[in-house]
Protein backbone atom coordinates (compact mmCIF):
# COMPACT_ATOMS: atom_id res chain seq x y z
CA MET A 1 64.46 -14.92 51.81
CA ALA A 2 65.99 -13.46 48.67
CA ALA A 3 65.45 -9.73 48.16
CA ARG A 4 62.73 -8.93 45.66
CA LEU A 5 61.53 -5.87 43.81
CA ALA A 6 57.91 -4.88 44.31
CA PHE A 7 56.05 -2.18 42.44
CA HIS A 8 53.01 -0.61 44.11
CA PHE A 9 51.73 1.49 41.24
CA CYS A 10 48.15 0.66 40.42
CA SER A 11 44.99 -0.60 41.99
CA PRO A 12 44.01 -3.32 42.56
CA LEU A 13 47.41 -4.89 43.09
CA LEU A 14 47.43 -8.69 43.03
CA LEU A 15 49.92 -11.11 44.52
CA ALA A 16 50.52 -14.47 42.84
CA SER A 17 52.53 -17.35 44.23
CA PRO A 18 52.81 -21.10 43.56
CA GLU A 19 50.76 -21.92 46.70
CA HIS A 20 47.81 -19.86 45.47
CA SER A 21 46.25 -20.84 42.16
CA HIS A 22 44.41 -17.50 41.97
CA PRO A 23 45.98 -14.07 42.58
CA ARG A 24 44.89 -12.36 45.79
CA PRO A 25 44.90 -8.65 46.72
CA LEU A 26 48.12 -7.23 48.07
CA HIS A 27 47.63 -4.28 50.38
CA ALA A 28 50.98 -2.49 50.12
CA ALA A 29 52.86 -5.14 52.10
CA PRO A 30 56.47 -4.22 52.82
CA LEU A 31 59.04 -6.22 50.87
CA THR A 32 60.00 -8.15 54.00
CA GLU A 33 56.43 -9.44 54.37
CA LEU A 34 56.22 -10.90 50.87
CA PRO A 35 56.40 -14.70 50.89
CA ALA A 36 59.65 -16.13 49.55
CA SER A 37 57.67 -17.95 46.86
CA THR A 38 56.27 -14.71 45.38
CA THR A 39 56.71 -14.78 41.63
CA SER A 40 54.78 -11.84 40.29
CA VAL A 41 52.69 -8.80 41.02
CA ALA A 42 50.03 -8.13 38.42
CA CYS A 43 47.70 -5.22 37.82
CA SER A 44 44.48 -4.90 35.90
CA ALA A 45 44.48 -6.09 32.29
CA ARG A 46 44.86 -2.56 30.91
CA ARG A 47 47.94 -1.78 33.02
CA PRO A 48 51.48 -3.13 32.62
CA ARG A 49 52.40 -6.16 34.70
CA MET A 50 55.56 -6.02 36.76
CA PHE A 51 57.22 -9.29 37.68
CA ILE A 52 59.12 -9.86 40.89
CA LEU A 53 62.20 -11.94 40.28
CA PRO A 54 64.69 -13.17 42.88
CA SER A 55 67.81 -11.03 43.12
CA GLY A 56 71.24 -12.49 42.90
CA ARG A 57 74.47 -10.82 41.92
CA THR A 58 72.57 -8.80 39.35
CA ARG A 59 68.98 -7.78 39.81
CA ARG A 60 66.60 -8.54 36.98
CA ALA A 61 63.20 -7.09 36.27
CA ALA A 62 60.78 -7.72 33.47
CA MET A 63 57.76 -5.76 32.38
CA ALA A 64 55.10 -7.00 29.99
CA VAL A 65 53.17 -4.34 28.12
CA GLY A 66 50.50 -5.66 25.81
CA THR A 67 51.87 -8.67 23.97
CA GLY A 68 55.56 -7.70 23.97
CA SER A 69 57.88 -7.91 26.91
CA ILE A 70 61.13 -6.21 27.80
CA GLU A 71 63.70 -7.68 30.16
CA GLU A 72 66.32 -5.47 31.72
CA VAL A 73 69.41 -6.36 33.73
CA LEU A 74 69.48 -3.84 36.56
CA PRO A 75 72.79 -2.35 37.67
CA PRO A 76 73.92 -2.65 41.29
CA SER A 77 73.28 0.30 43.62
CA LEU A 78 76.14 2.76 43.92
CA ASN A 79 77.44 3.36 47.44
CA SER A 80 79.93 5.76 49.03
CA THR A 81 82.92 3.90 47.56
CA ALA A 82 81.60 4.00 43.97
CA GLU A 83 83.04 6.30 41.34
CA PRO A 84 80.59 8.80 39.83
CA PRO A 85 79.37 8.25 36.28
CA PRO A 86 80.61 10.78 33.75
CA LEU A 87 78.36 13.80 34.22
CA PHE A 88 76.84 15.95 31.47
CA ASP A 89 78.28 13.85 28.65
CA GLY A 90 75.00 13.80 26.71
CA THR A 91 73.73 10.60 28.35
CA THR A 92 70.30 10.83 29.96
CA ARG A 93 70.38 9.25 33.43
CA LEU A 94 67.65 8.54 35.94
CA TYR A 95 69.06 8.41 39.48
CA ILE A 96 66.87 6.18 41.65
CA SER A 97 66.81 3.91 44.65
CA TYR A 98 65.23 0.50 44.15
CA ALA A 99 63.42 0.80 47.50
CA CYS A 100 62.08 4.36 47.12
CA PRO A 101 58.43 4.53 45.98
CA TYR A 102 58.91 8.03 44.56
CA ALA A 103 61.82 6.82 42.44
CA GLN A 104 59.82 3.74 41.43
CA ARG A 105 57.09 5.91 39.93
CA THR A 106 59.60 7.63 37.60
CA TRP A 107 61.24 4.28 36.82
CA ILE A 108 57.84 2.85 35.90
CA ALA A 109 57.10 5.89 33.71
CA ARG A 110 60.46 5.39 31.94
CA ASN A 111 59.62 1.74 31.29
CA TYR A 112 56.02 2.46 30.27
CA LYS A 113 57.21 4.91 27.63
CA GLY A 114 59.80 2.37 26.39
CA LEU A 115 62.84 4.51 27.24
CA GLN A 116 65.05 1.71 28.58
CA GLU A 117 67.65 2.34 25.85
CA LYS A 118 67.48 6.16 25.99
CA VAL A 119 67.42 6.74 29.76
CA LYS A 120 70.10 4.92 31.76
CA LEU A 121 69.29 3.87 35.34
CA VAL A 122 71.76 4.88 38.05
CA PRO A 123 70.66 3.28 41.33
CA ILE A 124 71.89 4.91 44.54
CA ASP A 125 72.21 3.14 47.89
CA LEU A 126 70.31 5.48 50.23
CA GLN A 127 71.83 3.90 53.35
CA ASP A 128 75.39 4.50 52.10
CA ARG A 129 74.96 7.43 49.73
CA PRO A 130 77.92 8.55 47.63
CA SER A 131 79.09 12.07 48.52
CA TRP A 132 79.49 12.98 44.85
CA TYR A 133 75.72 12.66 44.35
CA LYS A 134 74.98 15.71 46.52
CA GLU A 135 78.08 17.64 45.44
CA LYS A 136 77.96 17.09 41.68
CA VAL A 137 74.53 15.76 40.67
CA TYR A 138 71.58 16.88 42.81
CA SER A 139 72.19 19.18 45.78
CA PRO A 140 68.94 18.30 47.67
CA ASN A 141 70.50 14.79 47.85
CA LYS A 142 67.17 13.03 47.17
CA VAL A 143 66.04 10.53 44.57
CA PRO A 144 64.69 10.48 41.95
CA SER A 145 66.56 12.92 39.78
CA LEU A 146 66.96 13.07 36.02
CA GLU A 147 70.04 14.25 34.14
CA HIS A 148 68.93 15.42 30.68
CA ASN A 149 70.17 18.15 28.32
CA ASN A 150 72.94 19.19 30.75
CA GLU A 151 70.45 19.83 33.54
CA VAL A 152 69.44 17.83 36.59
CA LYS A 153 65.82 17.91 37.70
CA GLY A 154 64.16 16.32 40.72
CA GLU A 155 60.82 15.70 42.47
CA SER A 156 58.96 12.67 41.16
CA LEU A 157 55.73 14.38 40.03
CA ASP A 158 57.69 17.07 38.18
CA LEU A 159 59.79 14.35 36.57
CA LEU A 160 56.67 12.49 35.42
CA LYS A 161 55.47 15.64 33.63
CA TYR A 162 58.95 16.22 32.20
CA ILE A 163 59.29 12.63 30.94
CA ASP A 164 55.80 12.81 29.43
CA THR A 165 56.49 16.03 27.49
CA HIS A 166 60.15 15.55 26.50
CA PHE A 167 60.24 11.90 25.43
CA ASP A 168 58.37 9.86 22.83
CA GLY A 169 56.04 7.04 23.83
CA PRO A 170 52.54 6.57 25.19
CA ALA A 171 51.14 9.55 27.11
CA LEU A 172 51.38 9.31 30.89
CA LEU A 173 48.99 12.16 31.61
CA SER A 174 45.58 12.83 30.11
CA ASN A 175 45.27 15.60 27.53
CA VAL A 176 41.71 16.40 28.59
CA SER A 177 41.65 19.68 30.54
CA ALA A 178 38.82 18.65 32.90
CA LYS A 179 40.72 15.50 33.90
CA LYS A 180 43.92 17.48 34.43
CA GLU A 181 42.11 19.97 36.66
CA PHE A 182 40.50 17.17 38.68
């Protein structure tokens, strides 16, 4: 079975495949349990739809928001033999792992706000982590982390708030105080 990207970010999550004419609920199945024929994971009509596409030499992901769609060629994960990207050169980078659900939530927020051109993805291989990541980028050595304005921040929920307040695009969090408190 080819490796596939799955995004578990809203409820209900539906699984569609050629064998099933109607989508059926997907209850957070691990990637290895997804049928090889899986073509897409869709959420409710008001939420973005994330498509699962087979991976080859380069991973590809597409996200449809409303009537427009954006397709992105995903870079390969960096391992211990990879050279570090130039740090603090003014480029905003989101360090993630494709398999980490905490990193996926920040990646989804980046895509939802339409920041694919402004925030570069830097995928890290968590099984063969580069030593420079801990030494030069983020000392807790966890993903996700965001390099922005010559600072590196981490923790996915903090990053969601940061992305929401520091970048243009649709709001991720409600502005209503009662909802925020809840």
